[in-house]
Protein backbone atom coordinates (compact mmCIF):
# COMPACT_ATOMS: atom_id res chain seq x y z
CA UNK A 1 56.37 57.68 -31.78
CA UNK A 2 58.47 57.60 -28.35
CA UNK A 3 56.54 55.86 -25.99
CA UNK A 4 57.62 55.29 -22.32
CA UNK A 5 55.60 52.13 -20.49
CA UNK A 6 55.28 52.58 -16.88
CA UNK A 7 54.16 49.56 -14.22
CA UNK A 8 53.54 50.88 -11.01
CA UNK A 9 50.93 48.88 -9.22
CA UNK A 10 52.13 45.79 -7.23
CA UNK A 11 55.71 44.92 -6.54
CA UNK A 12 58.29 45.61 -9.10
CA UNK A 13 57.98 48.87 -10.68
CA UNK A 14 59.55 49.25 -13.93
CA UNK A 15 59.76 51.68 -17.27
CA UNK A 16 60.49 50.63 -20.69
CA UNK A 17 61.27 52.78 -23.99
CA UNK A 18 59.81 52.00 -27.49
CA UNK A 19 60.64 54.23 -30.22
CA UNK A 20 59.18 53.75 -33.50
CA UNK A 21 57.59 50.20 -32.56
CA UNK A 22 61.01 49.03 -31.44
CA UNK A 23 61.71 47.78 -27.79
CA UNK A 24 65.01 49.66 -26.93
CA UNK A 25 65.18 50.01 -23.10
CA UNK A 26 63.70 48.68 -19.94
CA UNK A 27 64.61 48.44 -16.34
CA UNK A 28 63.14 47.45 -13.00
CA UNK A 29 63.04 50.48 -10.40
CA UNK A 30 64.65 48.09 -7.76
CA UNK A 31 67.98 47.92 -9.99
CA UNK A 32 68.67 51.72 -9.51
CA UNK A 33 67.01 52.63 -6.14
CA UNK A 34 68.68 49.39 -4.53
CA UNK A 35 65.23 48.31 -2.97
CA UNK A 36 64.57 44.76 -3.49
CA UNK A 37 61.01 44.35 -5.23
CA UNK A 38 60.73 48.34 -5.26
CA UNK A 39 57.21 49.63 -5.48
CA UNK A 40 58.13 53.10 -5.63
CA UNK A 41 57.16 55.01 -8.81
CA UNK A 42 59.85 54.39 -11.19
CA UNK A 43 61.19 57.89 -11.79
CA UNK A 44 64.93 56.50 -11.71
CA UNK A 45 63.80 53.94 -14.80
CA UNK A 46 62.15 56.59 -16.49
CA UNK A 47 65.11 58.74 -16.68
CA UNK A 48 67.25 56.04 -17.61
CA UNK A 49 65.12 55.33 -20.45
CA UNK A 50 65.45 58.84 -21.55
CA UNK A 51 69.22 59.11 -21.18
CA UNK A 52 69.41 55.95 -23.16
CA UNK A 53 67.78 57.56 -26.04
CA UNK A 54 69.21 61.23 -25.42
CA UNK A 55 65.49 62.20 -25.16
CA UNK A 56 63.77 64.84 -22.68
CA UNK A 57 60.25 64.27 -21.05
CA UNK A 58 58.65 66.63 -23.76
CA UNK A 59 59.94 64.48 -26.51
CA UNK A 60 57.61 61.47 -25.42
CA UNK A 61 54.59 61.20 -27.27
CA UNK A 62 52.77 58.71 -24.88
CA UNK A 63 53.15 57.32 -21.37
CA UNK A 64 51.44 54.05 -21.23
CA UNK A 65 50.49 52.77 -18.13
CA UNK A 66 49.91 48.97 -17.58
CA UNK A 67 46.81 49.05 -15.67
CA UNK A 68 43.42 50.86 -16.47
CA UNK A 69 41.62 52.31 -13.45
CA UNK A 70 38.50 53.31 -15.68
CA UNK A 71 37.71 49.53 -15.24
CA UNK A 72 37.72 49.65 -11.77
CA UNK A 73 34.97 52.55 -11.76
CA UNK A 74 33.11 51.68 -14.72
CA UNK A 75 30.73 49.03 -13.29
CA UNK A 76 29.25 50.70 -10.29
CA UNK A 77 29.32 53.95 -8.25
CA UNK A 78 31.78 54.05 -5.29
CA UNK A 79 30.93 55.32 -1.86
CA UNK A 80 32.51 58.80 -1.36
CA UNK A 81 32.41 59.74 -5.06
CA UNK A 82 28.95 60.51 -5.46
CA UNK A 83 28.71 64.42 -5.06
CA UNK A 84 31.55 66.10 -3.29
CA UNK A 85 35.15 64.73 -3.99
CA UNK A 86 37.56 65.34 -1.16
CA UNK A 87 40.12 67.17 -3.23
CA UNK A 88 39.68 68.66 -6.83
CA UNK A 89 42.07 65.98 -8.41
CA UNK A 90 39.39 63.57 -7.70
CA UNK A 91 37.13 64.84 -10.43
CA UNK A 92 39.26 62.79 -12.98
CA UNK A 93 37.60 59.90 -11.63
CA UNK A 94 34.38 61.23 -9.89
CA UNK A 95 33.15 62.24 -13.17
CA UNK A 96 33.86 58.98 -15.17
CA UNK A 97 32.20 57.32 -12.12
CA UNK A 98 28.76 58.91 -12.71
CA UNK A 99 29.02 58.34 -16.36
CA UNK A 100 30.70 55.13 -17.15
CA UNK A 101 27.93 52.92 -15.28
CA UNK A 102 25.07 54.41 -17.38
CA UNK A 103 26.56 53.19 -20.74
CA UNK A 104 26.13 49.51 -19.54
CA UNK A 105 29.13 46.72 -19.05
CA UNK A 106 31.62 48.42 -21.51
CA UNK A 107 34.35 45.96 -22.55
CA UNK A 108 37.08 48.89 -21.81
CA UNK A 109 40.58 47.77 -22.73
CA UNK A 110 42.28 51.27 -22.41
CA UNK A 111 41.82 55.01 -21.15
CA UNK A 112 43.38 58.20 -22.60
CA UNK A 113 44.24 61.38 -20.42
CA UNK A 114 45.27 64.02 -22.84
CA UNK A 115 46.81 67.20 -21.08
CA UNK A 116 46.82 70.31 -23.55
CA UNK A 117 49.65 72.63 -23.23
CA UNK A 118 49.56 76.21 -24.65
CA UNK A 119 51.81 76.23 -27.57
CA UNK A 120 53.28 72.74 -26.99
CA UNK A 121 52.56 69.27 -28.04
CA UNK A 122 49.68 67.45 -25.78
CA UNK A 123 50.71 65.16 -22.91
CA UNK A 124 49.26 61.96 -23.40
CA UNK A 125 48.94 59.16 -20.90
CA UNK A 126 47.21 55.97 -21.84
CA UNK A 127 46.09 53.43 -19.42
CA UNK A 128 46.07 49.79 -20.77
CA UNK A 129 44.25 47.05 -19.29
CA UNK A 130 46.43 44.97 -16.93
CA UNK A 131 46.12 41.39 -18.95
CA UNK A 132 46.38 43.22 -22.27
CA UNK A 133 49.50 44.40 -21.41
CA UNK A 134 50.69 41.00 -20.37
CA UNK A 135 49.40 39.83 -23.72
CA UNK A 136 50.98 42.48 -25.71
CA UNK A 137 54.33 41.64 -23.57
CA UNK A 138 54.16 38.14 -25.09
CA UNK A 139 52.53 38.26 -28.18
CA UNK A 140 54.45 41.29 -29.62
CA UNK A 141 57.96 39.78 -28.67
CA UNK A 142 57.46 36.24 -29.45
CA UNK A 143 57.89 36.69 -33.43
CA UNK A 144 54.64 35.00 -34.10
CA UNK A 145 52.28 36.00 -36.64
CA UNK A 146 49.30 34.05 -35.07
CA UNK A 147 49.03 32.61 -31.91
CA UNK A 148 46.88 31.49 -29.02
CA UNK A 149 47.24 33.81 -25.92
CA UNK A 150 47.02 33.20 -22.02
CA UNK A 151 47.34 35.57 -19.43
CA UNK A 152 47.00 34.17 -15.98
CA UNK A 153 48.19 35.62 -12.45
CA UNK A 154 46.67 36.67 -9.19
CA UNK A 155 44.04 39.58 -10.57
CA UNK A 156 44.32 42.68 -12.52
CA UNK A 157 41.64 45.34 -12.53
CA UNK A 158 38.82 42.50 -12.46
CA UNK A 159 40.00 39.58 -14.32
CA UNK A 160 42.43 36.95 -13.18
CA UNK A 161 42.68 35.08 -16.58
CA UNK A 162 42.39 36.26 -20.12
CA UNK A 163 42.20 33.83 -23.11
CA UNK A 164 42.77 35.67 -26.34
CA UNK A 165 44.29 35.34 -30.05
CA UNK A 166 46.76 37.38 -31.56
CA UNK A 167 46.36 37.50 -35.61
CA UNK A 168 48.33 39.79 -37.70
CA UNK A 169 49.19 42.09 -34.99
CA UNK A 170 45.74 42.29 -33.59
CA UNK A 171 44.76 41.00 -29.96
CA UNK A 172 41.32 39.86 -29.48
CA UNK A 173 39.90 38.52 -26.27
CA UNK A 174 37.97 35.38 -26.30
CA UNK A 175 37.17 34.90 -22.51
CA UNK A 176 37.96 36.16 -19.00
CA UNK A 177 37.74 34.35 -15.65
CA UNK A 178 36.77 37.09 -12.99
CA UNK A 179 38.62 37.69 -9.70
CA UNK A 180 38.18 36.14 -6.62
CA UNK A 181 38.68 32.81 -8.82
CA UNK A 182 42.05 32.79 -9.76
CA UNK A 183 44.96 30.22 -9.97
CA UNK A 184 47.66 32.74 -9.31
CA UNK A 185 45.64 33.49 -5.61
CA UNK A 186 45.23 29.68 -5.19
CA UNK A 187 49.01 29.29 -5.55
CA UNK A 188 49.72 32.37 -3.61
CA UNK A 189 47.29 31.08 -0.64
CA UNK A 190 49.32 27.92 -0.67
CA UNK A 191 52.65 29.87 -0.47
CA UNK A 192 51.51 31.73 2.70
CA UNK A 193 50.07 28.41 4.35
CA UNK A 194 53.77 27.18 3.82
CA UNK A 195 55.35 30.07 5.72
CA UNK A 196 56.43 31.84 2.57
CA UNK A 197 55.65 35.49 1.56
CA UNK A 198 52.68 35.32 -1.08
CA UNK A 199 53.18 37.38 -4.36
CA UNK A 200 57.09 37.07 -3.74
CA UNK A 201 58.03 33.48 -2.88
CA UNK A 202 55.89 31.21 -5.31
CA UNK A 203 59.20 29.77 -6.99
CA UNK A 204 60.13 28.63 -3.33
CA UNK A 205 57.19 26.34 -3.47
CA UNK A 206 58.04 25.29 -6.64
CA UNK A 207 61.61 24.40 -5.67
CA UNK A 208 60.13 22.48 -2.61
CA UNK A 209 57.60 20.53 -4.83
CA UNK A 210 60.62 18.20 -6.17
CA UNK A 211 60.89 16.93 -2.62
CA UNK A 212 57.44 16.15 -2.09
CA UNK A 213 54.89 13.48 -2.86
CA UNK A 214 51.74 15.07 -4.32
CA UNK A 215 49.17 12.10 -3.80
CA UNK A 216 48.97 12.76 0.16
CA UNK A 217 47.35 16.37 -0.46
CA UNK A 218 46.10 15.99 -4.03
CA UNK A 219 42.59 15.33 -3.28
CA UNK A 220 42.35 18.28 -0.80
CA UNK A 221 43.85 20.68 -3.45
CA UNK A 222 41.05 19.42 -5.69
CA UNK A 223 38.38 20.56 -3.31
CA UNK A 224 40.03 24.15 -3.07
CA UNK A 225 39.83 24.49 -6.90
CA UNK A 226 38.21 22.92 -9.80
CA UNK A 227 38.43 23.37 -13.73
CA UNK A 228 36.03 21.91 -16.15
CA UNK A 229 36.20 20.24 -19.38
CA UNK A 230 35.32 23.44 -21.10
CA UNK A 231 38.26 25.38 -19.21
CA UNK A 232 36.00 27.11 -16.77
CA UNK A 233 38.08 27.62 -13.52
CA UNK A 234 36.67 28.09 -9.91
CA UNK A 235 37.63 28.19 -6.41
CA UNK A 236 35.75 27.18 -3.23
CA UNK A 237 35.53 30.45 -1.70
CA UNK A 238 34.48 28.82 1.73
CA UNK A 239 38.36 27.83 2.03
CA UNK A 240 39.53 31.63 0.66
CA UNK A 241 40.02 34.95 1.99
CA UNK A 242 42.32 36.36 -0.40
CA UNK A 243 39.48 38.77 -1.79
CA UNK A 244 38.96 40.39 1.74
CA UNK A 245 41.88 42.59 1.69
CA UNK A 246 40.94 43.59 5.02
CA UNK A 247 41.48 40.35 6.76
CA UNK A 248 44.89 38.64 7.45
CA UNK A 249 45.39 35.33 5.92
CA UNK A 250 44.43 34.08 2.21
CA UNK A 251 42.95 30.82 3.72
CA UNK A 252 39.98 30.14 5.97
CA UNK A 253 39.85 27.81 9.03
CA UNK A 254 38.10 25.37 7.04
CA UNK A 255 41.35 25.21 4.56
CA UNK A 256 43.68 24.57 7.61
CA UNK A 257 41.27 21.90 8.76
CA UNK A 258 41.83 20.25 5.35
CA UNK A 259 45.66 21.10 5.08
CA UNK A 260 46.97 21.15 8.60
CA UNK A 261 48.30 23.79 10.32
CA UNK A 262 50.00 26.70 8.74
CA UNK A 263 53.79 26.85 8.87
CA UNK A 264 55.49 29.58 10.87
CA UNK A 265 58.49 30.93 8.83
CA UNK A 266 60.62 30.19 11.85
CA UNK A 267 59.84 26.42 11.71
CA UNK A 268 61.88 23.89 9.66
CA UNK A 269 60.40 22.53 6.60
CA UNK A 270 58.96 18.90 7.26
CA UNK A 271 57.78 16.16 5.03
CA UNK A 272 54.29 17.26 4.97
CA UNK A 273 55.31 20.72 3.84
CA UNK A 274 57.12 19.37 0.89
CA UNK A 275 54.11 17.25 0.14
CA UNK A 276 51.76 20.16 0.08
CA UNK A 277 53.99 21.98 -2.25
CA UNK A 278 54.04 19.00 -4.52
CA UNK A 279 50.32 18.63 -4.32
CA UNK A 280 49.82 22.18 -5.13
CA UNK A 281 52.34 22.18 -8.10
CA UNK A 282 50.79 19.15 -9.47
CA UNK A 283 47.19 20.50 -9.10
CA UNK A 284 48.15 23.85 -10.86
CA UNK A 285 49.77 21.67 -13.71
CA UNK A 286 46.63 19.76 -14.22
CA UNK A 287 44.22 22.68 -14.46
CA UNK A 288 46.42 24.46 -16.86
CA UNK A 289 46.68 21.55 -18.78
CA UNK A 290 42.84 21.42 -19.12
CA UNK A 291 42.70 25.23 -20.04
CA UNK A 292 45.35 24.79 -22.71
CA UNK A 293 43.60 21.79 -24.34
CA UNK A 294 40.50 23.75 -24.59
CA UNK A 295 42.25 26.97 -25.73
CA UNK A 296 43.72 24.86 -28.55
CA UNK A 297 40.27 23.66 -29.46
CA UNK A 298 38.66 26.81 -29.68
CA UNK A 299 41.70 28.72 -31.61
CA UNK A 300 43.14 25.88 -33.87
CA UNK A 301 46.45 27.42 -33.59
CA UNK A 302 49.83 25.66 -33.22
CA UNK A 303 51.54 28.64 -31.38
CA UNK A 304 51.12 29.42 -27.67
CA UNK A 305 52.06 32.48 -25.98
CA UNK A 306 51.79 32.21 -21.95
CA UNK A 307 52.18 35.02 -19.78
CA UNK A 308 51.10 36.52 -16.40
CA UNK A 309 52.91 35.82 -12.98
CA UNK A 310 51.62 32.09 -13.35
CA UNK A 311 53.89 31.95 -16.18
CA UNK A 312 57.12 32.36 -14.03
CA UNK A 313 56.17 28.63 -12.94
CA UNK A 314 59.11 27.52 -15.26
CA UNK A 315 58.19 23.69 -14.26
CA UNK A 316 54.98 24.02 -15.67
CA UNK A 317 56.41 25.63 -18.80
CA UNK A 318 58.65 23.08 -19.62
CA UNK A 319 55.92 20.28 -19.33
CA UNK A 320 53.77 22.34 -21.65
CA UNK A 321 56.29 22.74 -24.02
CA UNK A 322 57.33 19.03 -24.16
CA UNK A 323 53.94 17.28 -23.42
CA UNK A 324 51.09 20.02 -24.14
CA UNK A 325 48.81 20.58 -27.18
CA UNK A 326 50.84 23.52 -28.99
CA UNK A 327 53.92 22.52 -31.16
CA UNK A 328 55.43 26.02 -30.22
CA UNK A 329 55.35 27.70 -26.70
CA UNK A 330 56.68 31.21 -25.92
CA UNK A 331 56.91 32.49 -22.51
CA UNK A 332 58.44 36.27 -22.26
CA UNK A 333 61.48 36.73 -20.29
CA UNK A 334 59.28 39.16 -17.86
CA UNK A 335 56.06 37.60 -17.85
CA UNK A 336 55.18 39.00 -14.49
CA UNK A 337 53.86 42.52 -13.64
CA UNK A 338 57.24 44.24 -14.04
CA UNK A 339 57.05 43.36 -17.88
CA UNK A 340 53.76 45.25 -18.36
CA UNK A 341 55.83 48.59 -18.66
CA UNK A 342 56.85 46.56 -21.98
CA UNK A 343 53.70 45.50 -23.00
CA UNK A 344 51.65 48.60 -22.26
CA UNK A 345 54.32 50.55 -24.52
CA UNK A 346 54.23 48.09 -27.08
CA UNK A 347 50.39 48.08 -27.42
CA UNK A 348 50.19 51.96 -27.47
CA UNK A 349 52.81 52.17 -30.07
CA UNK A 350 50.91 49.46 -32.30
CA UNK A 351 47.63 51.41 -31.81
CA UNK A 352 49.48 54.66 -32.86
CA UNK A 353 50.62 52.92 -36.08
CA UNK A 354 54.10 51.89 -35.17
CA UNK A 355 54.77 48.21 -36.60
CA UNK A 356 55.92 46.39 -33.28
CA UNK A 357 56.31 42.63 -34.46
CA UNK A 358 59.67 40.96 -34.23
CA UNK A 359 59.36 39.50 -37.81
CA UNK A 360 60.15 36.02 -36.72
CA UNK A 361 62.86 36.40 -34.00
CA UNK A 362 62.23 36.72 -30.44
CA UNK A 363 63.11 39.78 -28.47
CA UNK A 364 66.34 40.42 -26.55
CA UNK A 365 66.03 40.74 -22.44
CA UNK A 366 69.69 42.70 -22.50
CA UNK A 367 67.73 46.17 -22.46
CA UNK A 368 69.24 47.61 -19.59
CA UNK A 369 72.32 49.87 -19.03
CA UNK A 370 76.07 49.31 -20.27
CA UNK A 371 79.03 50.36 -18.47
CA UNK A 372 82.19 51.03 -20.23
CA UNK A 373 85.91 50.44 -19.40
CA UNK A 374 86.61 54.13 -18.17
CA UNK A 375 83.41 53.76 -15.58
CA UNK A 376 84.72 50.43 -14.35
CA UNK A 377 88.29 51.52 -14.11
CA UNK A 378 87.01 54.68 -11.97
CA UNK A 379 84.97 52.20 -9.71
CA UNK A 380 88.22 50.25 -9.05
CA UNK A 381 90.15 53.03 -8.25
CA UNK A 382 87.47 54.47 -6.15
CA UNK A 383 87.65 51.55 -3.84
CA UNK A 384 91.60 51.58 -4.29
CA UNK A 385 91.55 47.83 -5.48
CA UNK A 386 94.35 46.33 -7.44
CA UNK A 387 93.02 44.63 -10.83
CA UNK A 388 94.30 42.97 -13.98
CA UNK A 389 93.30 43.70 -17.63
CA UNK A 390 92.71 40.73 -19.48
CA UNK A 391 92.54 40.52 -23.22
CA UNK A 392 90.08 37.73 -23.36
CA UNK A 393 87.47 37.97 -20.44
CA UNK A 394 85.74 34.93 -21.42
CA UNK A 395 89.07 32.77 -21.45
CA UNK A 396 89.84 34.25 -18.14
CA UNK A 397 86.68 33.18 -16.53
CA UNK A 398 86.70 29.77 -17.85
CA UNK A 399 89.65 29.14 -16.35
CA UNK A 400 88.57 30.38 -12.92
CA UNK A 401 85.61 28.48 -13.19
CA UNK A 402 87.50 25.13 -14.07
CA UNK A 403 89.67 25.61 -11.23
CA UNK A 404 86.80 25.68 -9.24
CA UNK A 405 86.15 29.63 -8.24
CA UNK A 406 83.04 30.98 -7.96
CA UNK A 407 82.74 33.99 -10.18
CA UNK A 408 80.99 37.15 -10.49
CA UNK A 409 80.32 37.77 -14.42
CA UNK A 410 79.25 41.64 -15.46
CA UNK A 411 79.28 42.22 -19.22
CA UNK A 412 77.30 44.16 -21.46
CA UNK A 413 73.91 45.55 -21.11
CA UNK A 414 71.63 44.66 -17.95
CA UNK A 415 68.96 41.96 -18.28
CA UNK A 416 65.41 42.85 -17.77
CA UNK A 417 63.50 40.43 -15.40
CA UNK A 418 63.91 38.46 -12.44
CA UNK A 419 66.49 36.22 -13.88
CA UNK A 420 70.24 36.79 -14.65
CA UNK A 421 70.99 35.73 -18.23
CA UNK A 422 74.72 35.75 -18.49
CA UNK A 423 75.01 39.77 -18.29
CA UNK A 424 74.86 40.01 -14.30
CA UNK A 425 75.57 36.51 -13.22
CA UNK A 426 77.19 34.54 -10.55
CA UNK A 427 78.88 31.47 -12.20
CA UNK A 428 80.48 28.33 -10.83
CA UNK A 429 81.60 24.77 -12.35
CA UNK A 430 78.54 22.29 -12.41
CA UNK A 431 80.73 19.06 -12.13
CA UNK A 432 81.36 19.76 -8.52
CA UNK A 433 78.65 18.05 -6.57
CA UNK A 434 79.57 20.33 -3.56
CA UNK A 435 78.95 23.80 -5.30
CA UNK A 436 75.34 24.25 -4.61
CA UNK A 437 75.94 23.93 -1.05
CA UNK A 438 78.98 26.43 -1.42
CA UNK A 439 77.26 29.11 -2.89
CA UNK A 440 73.95 28.82 -0.74
CA UNK A 441 76.02 28.67 2.31
CA UNK A 442 78.56 31.66 1.31
CA UNK A 443 77.23 33.75 -1.58
CA UNK A 444 73.49 33.50 -1.77
CA UNK A 445 72.55 32.92 2.10
CA UNK A 446 69.33 31.09 1.23
CA UNK A 447 67.57 28.06 1.88
CA UNK A 448 69.59 24.83 0.95
CA UNK A 449 66.41 23.27 -1.15
CA UNK A 450 66.53 25.72 -3.66
CA UNK A 451 68.19 24.71 -7.04
CA UNK A 452 70.44 26.67 -9.66
CA UNK A 453 70.26 26.69 -13.13
CA UNK A 454 72.36 25.15 -15.92
CA UNK A 455 73.35 27.66 -18.81
CA UNK A 456 74.05 25.26 -21.75
CA UNK A 457 75.17 26.34 -25.18
CA UNK A 458 72.52 26.16 -27.62
CA UNK A 459 73.72 23.71 -29.85
CA UNK A 460 74.35 21.13 -27.17
CA UNK A 461 70.89 21.07 -25.44
CA UNK A 462 69.94 17.81 -26.65
CA UNK A 463 72.93 16.31 -25.63
CA UNK A 464 72.39 17.16 -21.92
CA UNK A 465 68.34 17.46 -21.64
CA UNK A 466 65.74 15.26 -22.60
CA UNK A 467 64.43 18.00 -25.32
CA UNK A 468 64.72 18.21 -28.97
CA UNK A 469 67.71 19.66 -30.37
CA UNK A 470 65.90 22.67 -31.90
CA UNK A 471 64.60 23.53 -28.45
CA UNK A 472 65.66 26.77 -27.26
CA UNK A 473 65.07 28.28 -23.84
CA UNK A 474 66.69 31.68 -23.94
CA UNK A 475 65.19 33.39 -20.87
CA UNK A 476 65.80 30.54 -18.07
CA UNK A 477 61.87 30.13 -18.34
CA UNK A 478 61.35 26.33 -18.92
CA UNK A 479 62.46 23.32 -16.82
CA UNK A 480 63.46 20.07 -18.63
CA UNK A 481 64.53 16.81 -17.32
CA UNK A 482 68.24 16.53 -17.44
CA UNK A 483 69.09 13.25 -19.39
CA UNK A 484 70.04 10.38 -16.86
CA UNK A 485 73.52 9.63 -18.32
CA UNK A 486 74.48 13.24 -17.65
CA UNK A 487 73.11 13.84 -14.15
CA UNK A 488 76.62 12.70 -12.38
CA UNK A 489 78.41 15.07 -14.95
CA UNK A 490 76.90 18.32 -13.80
CA UNK A 491 75.30 17.60 -10.45
CA UNK A 492 75.45 21.01 -9.13
CA UNK A 493 72.75 22.02 -11.23
CA UNK A 494 70.38 19.03 -11.09
CA UNK A 495 67.38 19.20 -9.12
CA UNK A 496 65.97 16.69 -6.56
CA UNK A 497 63.60 15.55 -9.16
CA UNK A 498 66.14 15.25 -12.05
CA UNK A 499 65.39 18.39 -13.90
CA UNK A 500 67.04 21.69 -14.62
CA UNK A 501 65.75 25.18 -15.14
CA UNK A 502 68.13 25.95 -17.77
CA UNK A 503 69.01 28.60 -20.19
CA UNK A 504 70.24 27.86 -23.76
CA UNK A 505 72.76 30.45 -24.75
CA UNK A 506 73.07 31.36 -28.51
CA UNK A 507 76.18 32.76 -29.94
CA UNK A 508 74.36 35.85 -31.82
CA UNK A 509 72.14 36.77 -28.98
CA UNK A 510 74.70 36.65 -26.34
CA UNK A 511 78.06 36.29 -27.79
CA UNK A 512 80.25 37.03 -24.59
CA UNK A 513 78.29 34.39 -22.30
CA UNK A 514 78.64 31.96 -25.15
CA UNK A 515 82.33 32.42 -25.71
CA UNK A 516 82.80 31.78 -21.87
CA UNK A 517 80.62 28.64 -22.01
CA UNK A 518 82.54 27.55 -25.07
CA UNK A 519 85.91 28.19 -23.59
CA UNK A 520 84.97 26.19 -20.35
CA UNK A 521 83.74 23.34 -22.62
CA UNK A 522 87.33 23.25 -24.35
CA UNK A 523 88.79 23.13 -20.88
CA UNK A 524 86.49 20.42 -19.19
CA UNK A 525 84.57 18.98 -22.12
CA UNK A 526 81.39 20.20 -20.36
CA UNK A 527 79.57 22.94 -22.32
CA UNK A 528 77.27 23.87 -19.48
CA UNK A 529 78.05 26.39 -16.34
CA UNK A 530 76.30 26.90 -13.33
CA UNK A 531 74.26 30.26 -13.58
CA UNK A 532 72.66 32.43 -10.78
CA UNK A 533 71.62 35.95 -10.18
CA UNK A 534 74.63 38.58 -9.21
CA UNK A 535 72.99 39.35 -6.04
CA UNK A 536 72.94 38.61 -2.28
CA UNK A 537 69.75 37.43 -0.58
CA UNK A 538 67.46 40.19 -0.08
CA UNK A 539 69.08 42.48 -2.48
CA UNK A 540 68.22 43.39 -6.21
CA UNK A 541 71.01 42.23 -8.98
CA UNK A 542 73.72 44.46 -9.50
CA UNK A 543 73.31 47.22 -11.82
CA UNK A 544 76.64 49.06 -11.68
CA UNK A 545 80.23 48.53 -11.25
CA UNK A 546 80.05 49.82 -7.58
CA UNK A 547 77.47 47.49 -6.88
CA UNK A 548 79.30 44.50 -8.35
CA UNK A 549 82.17 45.48 -6.37
CA UNK A 550 80.43 45.68 -3.09
CA UNK A 551 78.92 42.46 -3.50
CA UNK A 552 82.05 40.82 -4.42
CA UNK A 553 83.87 42.08 -1.53
CA UNK A 554 80.85 41.22 1.12
CA UNK A 555 80.34 37.70 0.04
CA UNK A 556 82.15 34.40 -0.85
CA UNK A 557 82.70 35.13 -4.29
CA UNK A 558 86.33 34.12 -5.24
CA UNK A 559 86.72 36.53 -8.43
CA UNK A 560 84.88 38.99 -10.46
CA UNK A 561 85.48 39.40 -14.17
CA UNK A 562 83.95 43.01 -14.84
CA UNK A 563 84.26 44.26 -18.50
CA UNK A 564 87.79 43.48 -19.12
CA UNK A 565 88.96 43.85 -15.53
CA UNK A 566 89.66 40.98 -13.15
CA UNK A 567 89.73 41.15 -9.44
CA UNK A 568 90.62 38.02 -7.23
CA UNK A 569 90.66 37.47 -3.73
CA UNK A 570 93.69 35.63 -2.20
């Protein structure tokens, strides 16, 4: 089967291609239309999927959508859909809206539309339930045969959290938590209260939490949200407005009395804001630990797949790995909604009979476009830029880093997801204490409190982080403590609480990036580099050579290694 997965609900529209059960390509629309957090239908990403495989639209056996709207109309009649649809196309959902509620509370997971073409292959569109797509994205890419599964985010069609188990390729739901009770919505409401954008800037709250003391507001957070010993979670809705989509603000005046005034986005962050962030982070971690302990009891399994937007919380992911009840914890490279194009496609392929398990090895995030020397050379000529061709890009980049240069690194296939993993990265020397401020001020143009990530050779992870030697964090998805004796060695990537959101770089999975860090280690004795996404604040990560050159020329980047081509500023 050729399956195109599509995510087109919420932010970060995306598309992915699964052929004969194998994930071959994936891309967010923002990388191609150059609109940060693009919500547009992923036409460009779909075309990129087809171009990669040399397919035409008529070659696609199934289009799998990571949202099942039938769930939204199956429980009750909706006003305006009863007798006379406003336009003929509405009958696609007006008829199900009449019939499905008569059948009781159906546990719908997917819905198919089949368009029969005279003399041709039918066009099949499969709508996969939101959390099922999340779960499939994690489970089928984890390499685990049997695993406990947890999807947690703001909300899907109706649910905000799903507990499940994966056994032998089959996903079985154990229980759900219904919206508006939502850990994701709780964290988003605090994000908005702190003056950031809900559903976009939650990672800023996570970063700010390291500067705060949680005890000041922890009791207030416990009044907002509770979790029981059996894992049941609930919000006190007297404090929340997030479920009223016609009302501005996610918190009520009662919550403002409890937490203090909402910060305006033009106000400086004060200590109370950092303390609020720390309390929210601590409370979410405590609630999730209670849920994981119960999930462990119910499943008896030693492996966990954690996914959904809340699984972007790399601080919790690290704690769950080191201190949680599961021996193995897998978080996919795109646990957020953009990854549902992958999950929907994998689920549809599996249902169609294609085996999709990775067979013991975790999937690669390097699923996007690649650009050869001819295209790179053409971009240089178009911009009339003199460049040098180097025989060994990794050695050249390592030497520049050791000299203290900030380097753009553009190699191989682009990563899928919100984190740069050594294919479209900005790199720097982590030994230089001023490097964080230099990059924030001259390249990223962002808040000074936000940390940068250390990319470390996988074989050296235990030398620099308080983690087992076999620990692997290939997607920058977990935060671990930096060893106390190494914090002064790599100060530019140590956060205020002594941790780092690391990426372990494996020679087989990412040979070019591994070679660069290995070369840097030979020069400096340190097998770690500072790694951040190759973009300016407010822009998507670069996709093409032209994107890379424009970003290089309009920022404080000092060198660009793109394929075998080297650009330097005077």
